[in-house]
């Protein structure tokens, strides 16, 4: 699909608007309805976001790495949205691309693959994402405008999307080199929900780590310990958790590192480093 990589957003939209469109898929057997959501693939060494598509009736599934044309072999932490509005431009462009590129299908003969077809209806799970992506699709000129009214998916569609993604994620884990018990321990990521997401900010008191309130000295130490445990729980296992002495030494060393990090790097600095794609800073900023 290299020919599309050279196209501007305006050209991509023009190609999309030129696609045929009907209430039924090319086979005539299924409604031409497509569901999408956004997920974060946590697999090392290239964690990144993807947009996940599913045609509920046929259960044909497809994913695109985000941002567009960022291969899954490369980290995509440059795209790490906090809100649906931030995610919308990247998702809208990916939606347009997915349909003009025929959802990843390639032709090997004259009859084995359907021609690209614009969707009759789009759905997603999150209300704020539906509104933000719909507005962005309208802004970039997607036609007809009724297609920009993205609907909220039925529970049955959401379940189908999750079941399909479980299968996709198993293949991604295999491709990344995870197998056996280790692969089973890596849980399938759910779709990201931006709606009503708020970070609670306690009122500042006698001390704080960033914006976290610390009314007593012992609570400050507890916050540091919670920080350490949270971080160690999401890092790949090195087997030390089975050795109490080694684990204790590791936690003590990490506690010193975290206390030094909090003193030297306030949240704004970590945030800036995370926005530049620093994976370590991204993790620390998320925990902070």
C-alpha atoms as a PDB file:
ATOM      1  CA  UNK A   1       0.000   0.000   0.000  1.00  0.00           C
ATOM      2  CA  UNK A   2       2.954   2.285  -0.563  1.00  0.00           C
ATOM      3  CA  UNK A   3       1.009   4.357  -3.117  1.00  0.00           C
ATOM      4  CA  UNK A   4      -1.258   5.611  -0.331  1.00  0.00           C
ATOM      5  CA  UNK A   5       1.686   6.550   1.883  1.00  0.00           C
ATOM      6  CA  UNK A   6       2.534   9.338  -0.543  1.00  0.00           C
ATOM      7  CA  UNK A   7      -0.968  10.827  -0.448  1.00  0.00           C
ATOM      8  CA  UNK A   8      -1.981  13.853   1.603  1.00  0.00           C
ATOM      9  CA  UNK A   9      -5.044  13.770   3.862  1.00  0.00           C
ATOM     10  CA  UNK A  10      -6.964  15.693   1.192  1.00  0.00           C
ATOM     11  CA  UNK A  11      -6.046  13.081  -1.426  1.00  0.00           C
ATOM     12  CA  UNK A  12      -6.908  10.210   0.910  1.00  0.00           C
ATOM     13  CA  UNK A  13     -10.342  11.729   1.581  1.00  0.00           C
ATOM     14  CA  UNK A  14     -10.925  12.277  -2.144  1.00  0.00           C
ATOM     15  CA  UNK A  15     -10.121   8.601  -2.774  1.00  0.00           C
ATOM     16  CA  UNK A  16     -12.510   7.575   0.013  1.00  0.00           C
ATOM     17  CA  UNK A  17     -15.336   9.784  -1.293  1.00  0.00           C
ATOM     18  CA  UNK A  18     -14.955   8.157  -4.718  1.00  0.00           C
ATOM     19  CA  UNK A  19     -15.553   4.641  -3.337  1.00  0.00           C
ATOM     20  CA  UNK A  20     -18.868   2.925  -4.076  1.00  0.00           C
ATOM     21  CA  UNK A  21     -21.162   2.618  -1.036  1.00  0.00           C
ATOM     22  CA  UNK A  22     -24.199   0.468  -0.271  1.00  0.00           C
ATOM     23  CA  UNK A  23     -26.148  -0.790   2.771  1.00  0.00           C
ATOM     24  CA  UNK A  24     -24.848  -4.321   2.167  1.00  0.00           C
ATOM     25  CA  UNK A  25     -21.333  -5.697   1.765  1.00  0.00           C
ATOM     26  CA  UNK A  26     -20.148  -6.862  -1.658  1.00  0.00           C
ATOM     27  CA  UNK A  27     -21.479 -10.371  -1.013  1.00  0.00           C
ATOM     28  CA  UNK A  28     -24.920  -8.957  -0.268  1.00  0.00           C
ATOM     29  CA  UNK A  29     -25.128 -11.162   2.806  1.00  0.00           C
ATOM     30  CA  UNK A  30     -24.090  -8.731   5.562  1.00  0.00           C
ATOM     31  CA  UNK A  31     -24.854  -5.183   6.623  1.00  0.00           C
ATOM     32  CA  UNK A  32     -22.084  -2.820   5.522  1.00  0.00           C
ATOM     33  CA  UNK A  33     -21.439  -1.798   9.121  1.00  0.00           C
ATOM     34  CA  UNK A  34     -17.968  -1.450  10.647  1.00  0.00           C
ATOM     35  CA  UNK A  35     -17.006  -1.082  14.282  1.00  0.00           C
ATOM     36  CA  UNK A  36     -13.699   0.430  15.428  1.00  0.00           C
ATOM     37  CA  UNK A  37     -11.883   1.060  18.680  1.00  0.00           C
ATOM     38  CA  UNK A  38      -8.408   2.070  19.823  1.00  0.00           C
ATOM     39  CA  UNK A  39      -6.104  -0.157  21.862  1.00  0.00           C
ATOM     40  CA  UNK A  40      -2.631   0.050  23.332  1.00  0.00           C
ATOM     41  CA  UNK A  41      -0.382  -2.898  22.488  1.00  0.00           C
ATOM     42  CA  UNK A  42       1.931  -3.202  25.478  1.00  0.00           C
ATOM     43  CA  UNK A  43       4.346  -5.697  23.939  1.00  0.00           C
ATOM     44  CA  UNK A  44       8.038  -4.885  24.217  1.00  0.00           C
ATOM     45  CA  UNK A  45      10.204  -3.751  22.551  1.00  0.00           C
ATOM     46  CA  UNK A  46       7.730  -1.753  20.416  1.00  0.00           C
ATOM     47  CA  UNK A  47       4.663  -0.735  22.458  1.00  0.00           C
ATOM     48  CA  UNK A  48       2.210   1.319  20.423  1.00  0.00           C
ATOM     49  CA  UNK A  49      -1.453   2.019  19.697  1.00  0.00           C
ATOM     50  CA  UNK A  50      -3.586   0.381  17.009  1.00  0.00           C
ATOM     51  CA  UNK A  51      -7.037   0.989  15.592  1.00  0.00           C
ATOM     52  CA  UNK A  52      -9.054  -2.218  15.605  1.00  0.00           C
ATOM     53  CA  UNK A  53     -11.788  -2.833  12.997  1.00  0.00           C
ATOM     54  CA  UNK A  54     -14.475  -5.513  12.922  1.00  0.00           C
ATOM     55  CA  UNK A  55     -17.350  -6.212  10.533  1.00  0.00           C
ATOM     56  CA  UNK A  56     -19.720  -7.729  13.123  1.00  0.00           C
ATOM     57  CA  UNK A  57     -21.725 -10.107  10.935  1.00  0.00           C
ATOM     58  CA  UNK A  58     -18.872 -11.636   8.942  1.00  0.00           C
ATOM     59  CA  UNK A  59     -16.470 -11.077  11.879  1.00  0.00           C
ATOM     60  CA  UNK A  60     -13.779  -9.969   9.454  1.00  0.00           C
ATOM     61  CA  UNK A  61     -11.183  -8.116  11.559  1.00  0.00           C
ATOM     62  CA  UNK A  62      -8.316  -5.802  10.698  1.00  0.00           C
ATOM     63  CA  UNK A  63      -5.891  -3.557  12.599  1.00  0.00           C
ATOM     64  CA  UNK A  64      -3.787  -0.578  11.575  1.00  0.00           C
ATOM     65  CA  UNK A  65      -0.814   0.693  13.561  1.00  0.00           C
ATOM     66  CA  UNK A  66      -0.980   4.274  14.799  1.00  0.00           C
ATOM     67  CA  UNK A  67       0.094   6.733  13.650  1.00  0.00           C
ATOM     68  CA  UNK A  68      -0.463   5.671  10.050  1.00  0.00           C
ATOM     69  CA  UNK A  69       2.377   3.896   8.278  1.00  0.00           C
ATOM     70  CA  UNK A  70       4.165   3.362  11.565  1.00  0.00           C
ATOM     71  CA  UNK A  71       5.064  -0.357  11.305  1.00  0.00           C
ATOM     72  CA  UNK A  72       4.437  -2.591  14.325  1.00  0.00           C
ATOM     73  CA  UNK A  73       8.174  -3.282  14.274  1.00  0.00           C
ATOM     74  CA  UNK A  74       8.761   0.294  15.480  1.00  0.00           C
ATOM     75  CA  UNK A  75       7.647   1.932  18.707  1.00  0.00           C
ATOM     76  CA  UNK A  76       4.752   4.347  18.287  1.00  0.00           C
ATOM     77  CA  UNK A  77       4.921   6.243  21.566  1.00  0.00           C
ATOM     78  CA  UNK A  78       4.887   9.533  19.700  1.00  0.00           C
ATOM     79  CA  UNK A  79       1.123   8.947  19.555  1.00  0.00           C
ATOM     80  CA  UNK A  80      -0.154   8.723  23.117  1.00  0.00           C
ATOM     81  CA  UNK A  81      -3.478  10.615  23.394  1.00  0.00           C
ATOM     82  CA  UNK A  82      -4.979  11.614  26.731  1.00  0.00           C
ATOM     83  CA  UNK A  83      -8.374  12.607  25.319  1.00  0.00           C
ATOM     84  CA  UNK A  84     -10.706  11.603  22.489  1.00  0.00           C
ATOM     85  CA  UNK A  85     -10.130  15.008  20.886  1.00  0.00           C
ATOM     86  CA  UNK A  86      -6.366  14.376  20.791  1.00  0.00           C
ATOM     87  CA  UNK A  87      -6.891  10.908  19.319  1.00  0.00           C
ATOM     88  CA  UNK A  88      -9.436  11.962  16.669  1.00  0.00           C
ATOM     89  CA  UNK A  89      -7.174  13.340  13.869  1.00  0.00           C
ATOM     90  CA  UNK A  90      -4.975  10.241  13.833  1.00  0.00           C
ATOM     91  CA  UNK A  91      -7.955   7.872  14.027  1.00  0.00           C
ATOM     92  CA  UNK A  92      -9.907   9.691  11.316  1.00  0.00           C
ATOM     93  CA  UNK A  93      -6.998   9.453   8.904  1.00  0.00           C
ATOM     94  CA  UNK A  94      -6.547   5.760   9.746  1.00  0.00           C
ATOM     95  CA  UNK A  95     -10.246   5.070   9.111  1.00  0.00           C
ATOM     96  CA  UNK A  96     -10.077   6.711   5.678  1.00  0.00           C
ATOM     97  CA  UNK A  97      -6.912   4.801   4.810  1.00  0.00           C
ATOM     98  CA  UNK A  98      -8.268   1.433   5.996  1.00  0.00           C
ATOM     99  CA  UNK A  99     -11.213   1.571   3.584  1.00  0.00           C
ATOM    100  CA  UNK A 100      -9.387   2.838   0.493  1.00  0.00           C
ATOM    101  CA  UNK A 101      -6.700   0.188   1.094  1.00  0.00           C
ATOM    102  CA  UNK A 102      -9.415  -2.485   1.292  1.00  0.00           C
ATOM    103  CA  UNK A 103      -8.805  -3.415   4.932  1.00  0.00           C
ATOM    104  CA  UNK A 104      -5.446  -4.935   4.117  1.00  0.00           C
ATOM    105  CA  UNK A 105      -6.758  -7.342   1.513  1.00  0.00           C
ATOM    106  CA  UNK A 106      -4.621  -7.812  -1.575  1.00  0.00           C
ATOM    107  CA  UNK A 107      -5.699  -9.241  -4.900  1.00  0.00           C
ATOM    108  CA  UNK A 108      -4.018 -12.388  -6.219  1.00  0.00           C
ATOM    109  CA  UNK A 109      -6.582 -13.067  -8.954  1.00  0.00           C
ATOM    110  CA  UNK A 110      -9.494 -11.298 -10.638  1.00  0.00           C
ATOM    111  CA  UNK A 111     -12.159 -12.789  -8.359  1.00  0.00           C
ATOM    112  CA  UNK A 112     -10.695 -13.695  -4.983  1.00  0.00           C
ATOM    113  CA  UNK A 113     -10.979 -10.297  -3.231  1.00  0.00           C
ATOM    114  CA  UNK A 114     -13.846  -7.814  -3.189  1.00  0.00           C
ATOM    115  CA  UNK A 115     -13.333  -4.283  -4.453  1.00  0.00           C
ATOM    116  CA  UNK A 116     -12.915  -1.519  -1.822  1.00  0.00           C
ATOM    117  CA  UNK A 117     -16.254  -0.323  -0.492  1.00  0.00           C
ATOM    118  CA  UNK A 118     -17.024   2.657   1.731  1.00  0.00           C
ATOM    119  CA  UNK A 119     -18.925   1.785   4.923  1.00  0.00           C
ATOM    120  CA  UNK A 120     -22.638   2.437   5.262  1.00  0.00           C
ATOM    121  CA  UNK A 121     -22.342   2.946   9.015  1.00  0.00           C
ATOM    122  CA  UNK A 122     -19.548   3.312  11.580  1.00  0.00           C
ATOM    123  CA  UNK A 123     -19.833   2.448  15.269  1.00  0.00           C
ATOM    124  CA  UNK A 124     -17.592   2.608  18.311  1.00  0.00           C
ATOM    125  CA  UNK A 125     -17.959   1.954  22.033  1.00  0.00           C
ATOM    126  CA  UNK A 126     -17.010   5.300  23.559  1.00  0.00           C
ATOM    127  CA  UNK A 127     -19.397   8.271  23.252  1.00  0.00           C
ATOM    128  CA  UNK A 128     -16.683  10.915  23.421  1.00  0.00           C
ATOM    129  CA  UNK A 129     -14.622   9.083  20.789  1.00  0.00           C
ATOM    130  CA  UNK A 130     -17.663   8.779  18.506  1.00  0.00           C
ATOM    131  CA  UNK A 131     -18.279  12.529  18.753  1.00  0.00           C
ATOM    132  CA  UNK A 132     -14.637  13.581  18.339  1.00  0.00           C
ATOM    133  CA  UNK A 133     -13.865  11.275  15.403  1.00  0.00           C
ATOM    134  CA  UNK A 134     -17.157  12.168  13.725  1.00  0.00           C
ATOM    135  CA  UNK A 135     -16.359  15.856  13.974  1.00  0.00           C
ATOM    136  CA  UNK A 136     -12.871  15.282  12.559  1.00  0.00           C
ATOM    137  CA  UNK A 137     -14.176  13.206   9.642  1.00  0.00           C
ATOM    138  CA  UNK A 138     -16.600  16.013   8.838  1.00  0.00           C
ATOM    139  CA  UNK A 139     -13.818  18.618   9.132  1.00  0.00           C
ATOM    140  CA  UNK A 140     -11.568  16.849   6.623  1.00  0.00           C
ATOM    141  CA  UNK A 141     -14.436  16.565   4.125  1.00  0.00           C
ATOM    142  CA  UNK A 142     -15.654  12.966   4.379  1.00  0.00           C
ATOM    143  CA  UNK A 143     -18.868  12.330   2.422  1.00  0.00           C
ATOM    144  CA  UNK A 144     -21.696  11.776   2.904  1.00  0.00           C
ATOM    145  CA  UNK A 145     -21.885  13.809   6.099  1.00  0.00           C
ATOM    146  CA  UNK A 146     -24.355  11.298   7.568  1.00  0.00           C
ATOM    147  CA  UNK A 147     -21.449   8.838   7.761  1.00  0.00           C
ATOM    148  CA  UNK A 148     -19.763  11.216  10.194  1.00  0.00           C
ATOM    149  CA  UNK A 149     -22.555  10.542  12.696  1.00  0.00           C
ATOM    150  CA  UNK A 150     -20.787   7.647  14.359  1.00  0.00           C
ATOM    151  CA  UNK A 151     -23.161   5.498  16.381  1.00  0.00           C
ATOM    152  CA  UNK A 152     -22.613   3.822  19.738  1.00  0.00           C
ATOM    153  CA  UNK A 153     -22.171   0.085  19.285  1.00  0.00           C
ATOM    154  CA  UNK A 154     -24.522  -2.513  20.702  1.00  0.00           C
ATOM    155  CA  UNK A 155     -23.150  -4.713  23.542  1.00  0.00           C
ATOM    156  CA  UNK A 156     -23.188  -7.690  21.156  1.00  0.00           C
ATOM    157  CA  UNK A 157     -20.946  -5.837  18.695  1.00  0.00           C
ATOM    158  CA  UNK A 158     -18.533  -4.846  21.462  1.00  0.00           C
ATOM    159  CA  UNK A 159     -18.339  -8.493  22.560  1.00  0.00           C
ATOM    160  CA  UNK A 160     -17.633  -9.631  18.993  1.00  0.00           C
ATOM    161  CA  UNK A 161     -14.881  -7.008  18.678  1.00  0.00           C
ATOM    162  CA  UNK A 162     -13.269  -8.168  21.918  1.00  0.00           C
ATOM    163  CA  UNK A 163     -13.384 -11.857  20.957  1.00  0.00           C
ATOM    164  CA  UNK A 164     -11.855 -11.089  17.565  1.00  0.00           C
ATOM    165  CA  UNK A 165      -9.097  -8.999  19.119  1.00  0.00           C
ATOM    166  CA  UNK A 166      -8.210 -11.810  21.538  1.00  0.00           C
ATOM    167  CA  UNK A 167      -7.310 -13.914  18.494  1.00  0.00           C
ATOM    168  CA  UNK A 168      -5.381 -11.075  16.874  1.00  0.00           C
ATOM    169  CA  UNK A 169      -3.451 -10.411  20.079  1.00  0.00           C
ATOM    170  CA  UNK A 170      -2.416 -14.066  20.331  1.00  0.00           C
ATOM    171  CA  UNK A 171      -0.844 -13.733  16.885  1.00  0.00           C
ATOM    172  CA  UNK A 172       0.863 -10.469  17.887  1.00  0.00           C
ATOM    173  CA  UNK A 173       2.346 -12.139  20.990  1.00  0.00           C
ATOM    174  CA  UNK A 174       3.585 -15.023  18.878  1.00  0.00           C
ATOM    175  CA  UNK A 175       5.101 -12.619  16.339  1.00  0.00           C
ATOM    176  CA  UNK A 176       6.828 -10.738  19.189  1.00  0.00           C
ATOM    177  CA  UNK A 177       8.404 -13.973  20.426  1.00  0.00           C
ATOM    178  CA  UNK A 178       6.189 -14.685  23.442  1.00  0.00           C
ATOM    179  CA  UNK A 179       5.023 -18.261  23.911  1.00  0.00           C
ATOM    180  CA  UNK A 180       3.846 -20.770  26.489  1.00  0.00           C
ATOM    181  CA  UNK A 181       3.186 -19.642  30.061  1.00  0.00           C
ATOM    182  CA  UNK A 182       4.816 -16.253  29.476  1.00  0.00           C
ATOM    183  CA  UNK A 183       2.386 -15.486  26.638  1.00  0.00           C
ATOM    184  CA  UNK A 184      -0.570 -16.555  28.770  1.00  0.00           C
ATOM    185  CA  UNK A 185       0.422 -14.077  31.483  1.00  0.00           C
ATOM    186  CA  UNK A 186       0.158 -11.133  29.065  1.00  0.00           C
ATOM    187  CA  UNK A 187      -3.470 -10.053  29.147  1.00  0.00           C
ATOM    188  CA  UNK A 188      -5.321  -8.884  26.051  1.00  0.00           C
ATOM    189  CA  UNK A 189      -5.737  -5.080  26.124  1.00  0.00           C
ATOM    190  CA  UNK A 190      -9.277  -3.717  26.265  1.00  0.00           C
ATOM    191  CA  UNK A 191     -10.446  -0.851  24.097  1.00  0.00           C
ATOM    192  CA  UNK A 192      -9.495   2.575  25.444  1.00  0.00           C
ATOM    193  CA  UNK A 193     -12.416   4.574  26.829  1.00  0.00           C
ATOM    194  CA  UNK A 194     -11.947   8.337  27.045  1.00  0.00           C
ATOM    195  CA  UNK A 195     -15.485   9.159  28.154  1.00  0.00           C
ATOM    196  CA  UNK A 196     -15.686  10.776  31.615  1.00  0.00           C
ATOM    197  CA  UNK A 197     -11.996  10.038  32.212  1.00  0.00           C
ATOM    198  CA  UNK A 198     -10.632  12.319  34.902  1.00  0.00           C
ATOM    199  CA  UNK A 199      -7.532  12.150  37.037  1.00  0.00           C
ATOM    200  CA  UNK A 200      -8.421  12.833  40.648  1.00  0.00           C
ATOM    201  CA  UNK A 201      -6.261  15.613  42.070  1.00  0.00           C
ATOM    202  CA  UNK A 202      -6.401  15.758  45.888  1.00  0.00           C
ATOM    203  CA  UNK A 203      -6.075  19.171  47.509  1.00  0.00           C
ATOM    204  CA  UNK A 204      -2.398  19.913  48.323  1.00  0.00           C
ATOM    205  CA  UNK A 205      -1.539  19.464  51.980  1.00  0.00           C
ATOM    206  CA  UNK A 206       1.673  19.430  53.945  1.00  0.00           C
ATOM    207  CA  UNK A 207       3.700  17.642  51.295  1.00  0.00           C
ATOM    208  CA  UNK A 208       3.276  16.115  47.865  1.00  0.00           C
ATOM    209  CA  UNK A 209       4.680  14.020  45.057  1.00  0.00           C
ATOM    210  CA  UNK A 210       3.622  15.974  42.016  1.00  0.00           C
ATOM    211  CA  UNK A 211      -0.086  16.526  42.610  1.00  0.00           C
ATOM    212  CA  UNK A 212      -0.529  13.740  45.195  1.00  0.00           C
ATOM    213  CA  UNK A 213      -1.443  14.890  48.693  1.00  0.00           C
ATOM    214  CA  UNK A 214       0.748  13.701  51.562  1.00  0.00           C
ATOM    215  CA  UNK A 215      -0.821  14.672  54.902  1.00  0.00           C
ATOM    216  CA  UNK A 216       1.618  12.635  57.009  1.00  0.00           C
ATOM    217  CA  UNK A 217       5.251  11.620  56.692  1.00  0.00           C
ATOM    218  CA  UNK A 218       4.478   7.911  56.746  1.00  0.00           C
ATOM    219  CA  UNK A 219       1.989   8.379  53.894  1.00  0.00           C
ATOM    220  CA  UNK A 220       4.762   9.936  51.827  1.00  0.00           C
ATOM    221  CA  UNK A 221       6.878   6.825  52.273  1.00  0.00           C
ATOM    222  CA  UNK A 222       3.854   4.670  51.461  1.00  0.00           C
ATOM    223  CA  UNK A 223       3.330   6.591  48.236  1.00  0.00           C
ATOM    224  CA  UNK A 224       6.928   5.968  47.247  1.00  0.00           C
ATOM    225  CA  UNK A 225       6.471   2.259  47.992  1.00  0.00           C
ATOM    226  CA  UNK A 226       3.233   2.143  45.994  1.00  0.00           C
ATOM    227  CA  UNK A 227       5.064   3.828  43.123  1.00  0.00           C
ATOM    228  CA  UNK A 228       7.803   1.179  43.268  1.00  0.00           C
ATOM    229  CA  UNK A 229       5.356  -1.746  43.408  1.00  0.00           C
ATOM    230  CA  UNK A 230       3.259  -0.354  40.558  1.00  0.00           C
ATOM    231  CA  UNK A 231       6.332   0.040  38.392  1.00  0.00           C
ATOM    232  CA  UNK A 232       7.784  -3.360  39.183  1.00  0.00           C
ATOM    233  CA  UNK A 233       4.444  -5.047  38.501  1.00  0.00           C
ATOM    234  CA  UNK A 234       4.313  -3.807  34.898  1.00  0.00           C
ATOM    235  CA  UNK A 235       7.930  -4.489  33.974  1.00  0.00           C
ATOM    236  CA  UNK A 236       8.899  -7.802  32.330  1.00  0.00           C
ATOM    237  CA  UNK A 237       9.772 -10.487  34.848  1.00  0.00           C
ATOM    238  CA  UNK A 238      13.414 -11.417  35.381  1.00  0.00           C
ATOM    239  CA  UNK A 239      12.555 -14.261  37.770  1.00  0.00           C
ATOM    240  CA  UNK A 240      13.658 -12.377  40.903  1.00  0.00           C
ATOM    241  CA  UNK A 241      10.153 -12.475  42.365  1.00  0.00           C
ATOM    242  CA  UNK A 242      10.784 -16.103  43.277  1.00  0.00           C
ATOM    243  CA  UNK A 243      13.763 -15.161  45.461  1.00  0.00           C
ATOM    244  CA  UNK A 244      12.746 -13.143  48.526  1.00  0.00           C
ATOM    245  CA  UNK A 245      16.247 -11.789  49.165  1.00  0.00           C
ATOM    246  CA  UNK A 246      16.825 -10.726  45.566  1.00  0.00           C
ATOM    247  CA  UNK A 247      13.355  -9.209  45.375  1.00  0.00           C
ATOM    248  CA  UNK A 248      13.910  -7.246  48.582  1.00  0.00           C
ATOM    249  CA  UNK A 249      17.211  -5.854  47.328  1.00  0.00           C
ATOM    250  CA  UNK A 250      15.630  -4.932  44.005  1.00  0.00           C
ATOM    251  CA  UNK A 251      12.798  -3.072  45.735  1.00  0.00           C
ATOM    252  CA  UNK A 252      15.200  -1.205  47.974  1.00  0.00           C
ATOM    253  CA  UNK A 253      17.301  -0.138  44.987  1.00  0.00           C
ATOM    254  CA  UNK A 254      14.202   0.893  43.060  1.00  0.00           C
ATOM    255  CA  UNK A 255      12.911   2.889  46.045  1.00  0.00           C
ATOM    256  CA  UNK A 256      16.122   4.915  46.087  1.00  0.00           C
ATOM    257  CA  UNK A 257      15.815   5.494  42.346  1.00  0.00           C
ATOM    258  CA  UNK A 258      12.184   6.621  42.601  1.00  0.00           C
ATOM    259  CA  UNK A 259      12.858   9.016  45.472  1.00  0.00           C
ATOM    260  CA  UNK A 260      15.726  10.547  43.510  1.00  0.00           C
ATOM    261  CA  UNK A 261      13.575  10.731  40.360  1.00  0.00           C
ATOM    262  CA  UNK A 262      10.714  12.517  42.144  1.00  0.00           C
ATOM    263  CA  UNK A 263      13.119  15.050  43.622  1.00  0.00           C
ATOM    264  CA  UNK A 264      14.908  15.805  40.358  1.00  0.00           C
ATOM    265  CA  UNK A 265      12.096  15.465  37.789  1.00  0.00           C
ATOM    266  CA  UNK A 266       8.713  17.096  38.412  1.00  0.00           C
ATOM    267  CA  UNK A 267       5.713  15.927  36.425  1.00  0.00           C
ATOM    268  CA  UNK A 268       6.049  18.609  33.737  1.00  0.00           C
ATOM    269  CA  UNK A 269       9.532  17.385  32.825  1.00  0.00           C
ATOM    270  CA  UNK A 270       8.445  13.746  32.690  1.00  0.00           C
ATOM    271  CA  UNK A 271       5.456  14.755  30.586  1.00  0.00           C
ATOM    272  CA  UNK A 272       7.683  16.569  28.094  1.00  0.00           C
ATOM    273  CA  UNK A 273      10.042  13.578  27.861  1.00  0.00           C
ATOM    274  CA  UNK A 274       7.090  11.223  27.408  1.00  0.00           C
ATOM    275  CA  UNK A 275       5.703  13.400  24.612  1.00  0.00           C
ATOM    276  CA  UNK A 276       9.078  13.090  22.856  1.00  0.00           C
ATOM    277  CA  UNK A 277       8.686   9.287  22.877  1.00  0.00           C
ATOM    278  CA  UNK A 278      10.822   8.322  25.881  1.00  0.00           C
ATOM    279  CA  UNK A 279       9.362   4.970  27.001  1.00  0.00           C
ATOM    280  CA  UNK A 280      10.823   5.113  30.520  1.00  0.00           C
ATOM    281  CA  UNK A 281       9.493   8.625  31.048  1.00  0.00           C
ATOM    282  CA  UNK A 282       6.093   7.559  29.692  1.00  0.00           C
ATOM    283  CA  UNK A 283       5.859   4.763  32.250  1.00  0.00           C
ATOM    284  CA  UNK A 284       6.995   6.941  35.130  1.00  0.00           C
ATOM    285  CA  UNK A 285       4.652   9.769  34.136  1.00  0.00           C
ATOM    286  CA  UNK A 286       1.696   7.352  33.974  1.00  0.00           C
ATOM    287  CA  UNK A 287       2.470   6.018  37.464  1.00  0.00           C
ATOM    288  CA  UNK A 288       3.144   9.495  38.854  1.00  0.00           C
END
